[in-house]
C-alpha atoms as a PDB file:
ATOM      1  CA  MET A   1     -27.278 -28.634   7.667  1.00  0.00           C
ATOM      2  CA  GLN A   2     -27.538 -26.942  10.918  1.00  0.00           C
ATOM      3  CA  PRO A   3     -27.510 -22.247   9.983  1.00  0.00           C
ATOM      4  CA  ASN A   4     -24.088 -21.752  10.184  1.00  0.00           C
ATOM      5  CA  ASP A   5     -23.411 -24.322   7.362  1.00  0.00           C
ATOM      6  CA  LEU A   6     -24.660 -22.067   4.999  1.00  0.00           C
ATOM      7  CA  PRO A   7     -22.887 -19.817   2.748  1.00  0.00           C
ATOM      8  CA  ILE A   8     -22.525 -15.899   3.821  1.00  0.00           C
ATOM      9  CA  VAL A   9     -23.024 -14.737   0.248  1.00  0.00           C
ATOM     10  CA  CYS A  10     -24.598 -15.935  -2.647  1.00  0.00           C
ATOM     11  CA  LEU A  11     -22.697 -16.211  -5.943  1.00  0.00           C
ATOM     12  CA  PRO A  12     -24.948 -15.349  -9.144  1.00  0.00           C
ATOM     13  CA  MET A  13     -23.863 -18.439 -11.382  1.00  0.00           C
ATOM     14  CA  GLU A  14     -24.298 -16.528 -14.895  1.00  0.00           C
ATOM     15  CA  LEU A  15     -23.137 -13.018 -14.568  1.00  0.00           C
ATOM     16  CA  SER A  16     -22.480 -11.006 -18.550  1.00  0.00           C
ATOM     17  CA  ASP A  17     -19.256  -9.699 -18.894  1.00  0.00           C
ATOM     18  CA  GLU A  18     -19.781  -6.696 -17.946  1.00  0.00           C
ATOM     19  CA  ALA A  19     -21.612  -6.959 -15.043  1.00  0.00           C
ATOM     20  CA  ALA A  20     -18.783  -9.696 -13.472  1.00  0.00           C
ATOM     21  CA  ALA A  21     -16.064  -7.001 -14.324  1.00  0.00           C
ATOM     22  CA  ALA A  22     -18.725  -4.490 -12.777  1.00  0.00           C
ATOM     23  CA  LEU A  23     -19.024  -6.929  -9.214  1.00  0.00           C
ATOM     24  CA  VAL A  24     -14.812  -7.052  -8.892  1.00  0.00           C
ATOM     25  CA  ASP A  25     -14.704  -3.509  -9.659  1.00  0.00           C
ATOM     26  CA  PHE A  26     -17.334  -3.306  -6.460  1.00  0.00           C
ATOM     27  CA  LEU A  27     -15.644  -5.676  -4.548  1.00  0.00           C
ATOM     28  CA  HIS A  28     -11.789  -3.769  -4.925  1.00  0.00           C
ATOM     29  CA  GLU A  29     -13.054  -0.048  -4.295  1.00  0.00           C
ATOM     30  CA  LEU A  30     -15.446  -1.925  -1.366  1.00  0.00           C
ATOM     31  CA  THR A  31     -11.656  -3.221  -0.036  1.00  0.00           C
ATOM     32  CA  GLU A  32     -10.063  -0.789  -0.960  1.00  0.00           C
ATOM     33  CA  ALA A  33     -12.739   1.955   1.523  1.00  0.00           C
ATOM     34  CA  LEU A  34     -12.328  -1.080   4.770  1.00  0.00           C
ATOM     35  CA  GLU A  35      -8.765  -1.230   3.935  1.00  0.00           C
ATOM     36  CA  ARG A  36      -9.196   2.975   4.671  1.00  0.00           C
ATOM     37  CA  HIS A  37     -11.865   3.129   6.787  1.00  0.00           C
ATOM     38  CA  TYR A  38      -9.863   0.535   9.935  1.00  0.00           C
ATOM     39  CA  CYS A  39      -5.968   1.636   8.279  1.00  0.00           C
ATOM     40  CA  GLY A  40      -4.399   1.782  12.258  1.00  0.00           C
ATOM     41  CA  GLN A  41      -6.062  -1.080  13.543  1.00  0.00           C
ATOM     42  CA  LEU A  42      -4.875  -3.623  10.723  1.00  0.00           C
ATOM     43  CA  LEU A  43      -0.905  -1.759  10.941  1.00  0.00           C
ATOM     44  CA  ARG A  44      -1.389  -1.970  14.486  1.00  0.00           C
ATOM     45  CA  HIS A  45      -1.837  -6.223  13.837  1.00  0.00           C
ATOM     46  CA  ALA A  46       0.278  -5.868  11.559  1.00  0.00           C
ATOM     47  CA  HIS A  47       3.340  -4.907  13.929  1.00  0.00           C
ATOM     48  CA  ARG A  48       2.434  -6.619  16.203  1.00  0.00           C
ATOM     49  CA  TYR A  49       1.992 -10.006  14.577  1.00  0.00           C
ATOM     50  CA  ASP A  50       4.385 -10.617  12.278  1.00  0.00           C
ATOM     51  CA  PRO A  51       7.779  -7.095  13.258  1.00  0.00           C
ATOM     52  CA  LEU A  52       9.948  -6.025  10.402  1.00  0.00           C
ATOM     53  CA  PRO A  53      13.781  -8.114  10.881  1.00  0.00           C
ATOM     54  CA  SER A  54      15.374  -6.784  12.755  1.00  0.00           C
ATOM     55  CA  LEU A  55      18.606  -5.266   9.882  1.00  0.00           C
ATOM     56  CA  PRO A  56      21.451  -6.609  10.383  1.00  0.00           C
ATOM     57  CA  ASP A  57      25.343  -4.671  12.785  1.00  0.00           C
ATOM     58  CA  GLU A  58      26.307  -1.706  10.459  1.00  0.00           C
ATOM     59  CA  HIS A  59      29.775  -3.357  12.150  1.00  0.00           C
ATOM     60  CA  THR A  60      28.994  -6.965  10.193  1.00  0.00           C
ATOM     61  CA  ALA A  61      28.927  -8.237   6.997  1.00  0.00           C
ATOM     62  CA  PRO A  62      27.384 -11.142   5.806  1.00  0.00           C
ATOM     63  CA  ASP A  63      29.242 -14.348   6.121  1.00  0.00           C
ATOM     64  CA  ASN A  64      29.118 -14.794   1.852  1.00  0.00           C
ATOM     65  CA  ILE A  65      30.484 -12.184   1.463  1.00  0.00           C
ATOM     66  CA  ASP A  66      33.602 -11.235   1.120  1.00  0.00           C
ATOM     67  CA  PRO A  67      35.242  -8.208   2.577  1.00  0.00           C
ATOM     68  CA  ASP A  68      38.245  -7.495   0.641  1.00  0.00           C
ATOM     69  CA  ASP A  69      36.095  -7.902  -2.783  1.00  0.00           C
ATOM     70  CA  PRO A  70      34.701  -4.036  -4.399  1.00  0.00           C
ATOM     71  CA  PRO A  71      31.818  -3.219  -4.123  1.00  0.00           C
ATOM     72  CA  PHE A  72      31.973  -2.337  -7.483  1.00  0.00           C
END
C-alpha cells in the first residue's frame, strides 16, 4: 500500500441521527462557501468547456413543426 492509496477523508462509522444531519449541513455550507469564493473561476471553466448550445436562427423553423399550424 502506498501513501496515496489511503482515503482522503475518514468518516466515522457510527453517528447519531443528529450528528449525521449536522455533518451533512456542515458539508453543504462548506460547498456553498467554496462555490461563492470560486464563482468566477467556476463560471469561466463551465463556459470554456461546456458552452451554451447555439440558438436556432429565428427564420429557420424546426423540421418537426408545421409552419401553418397555429400556435394555440
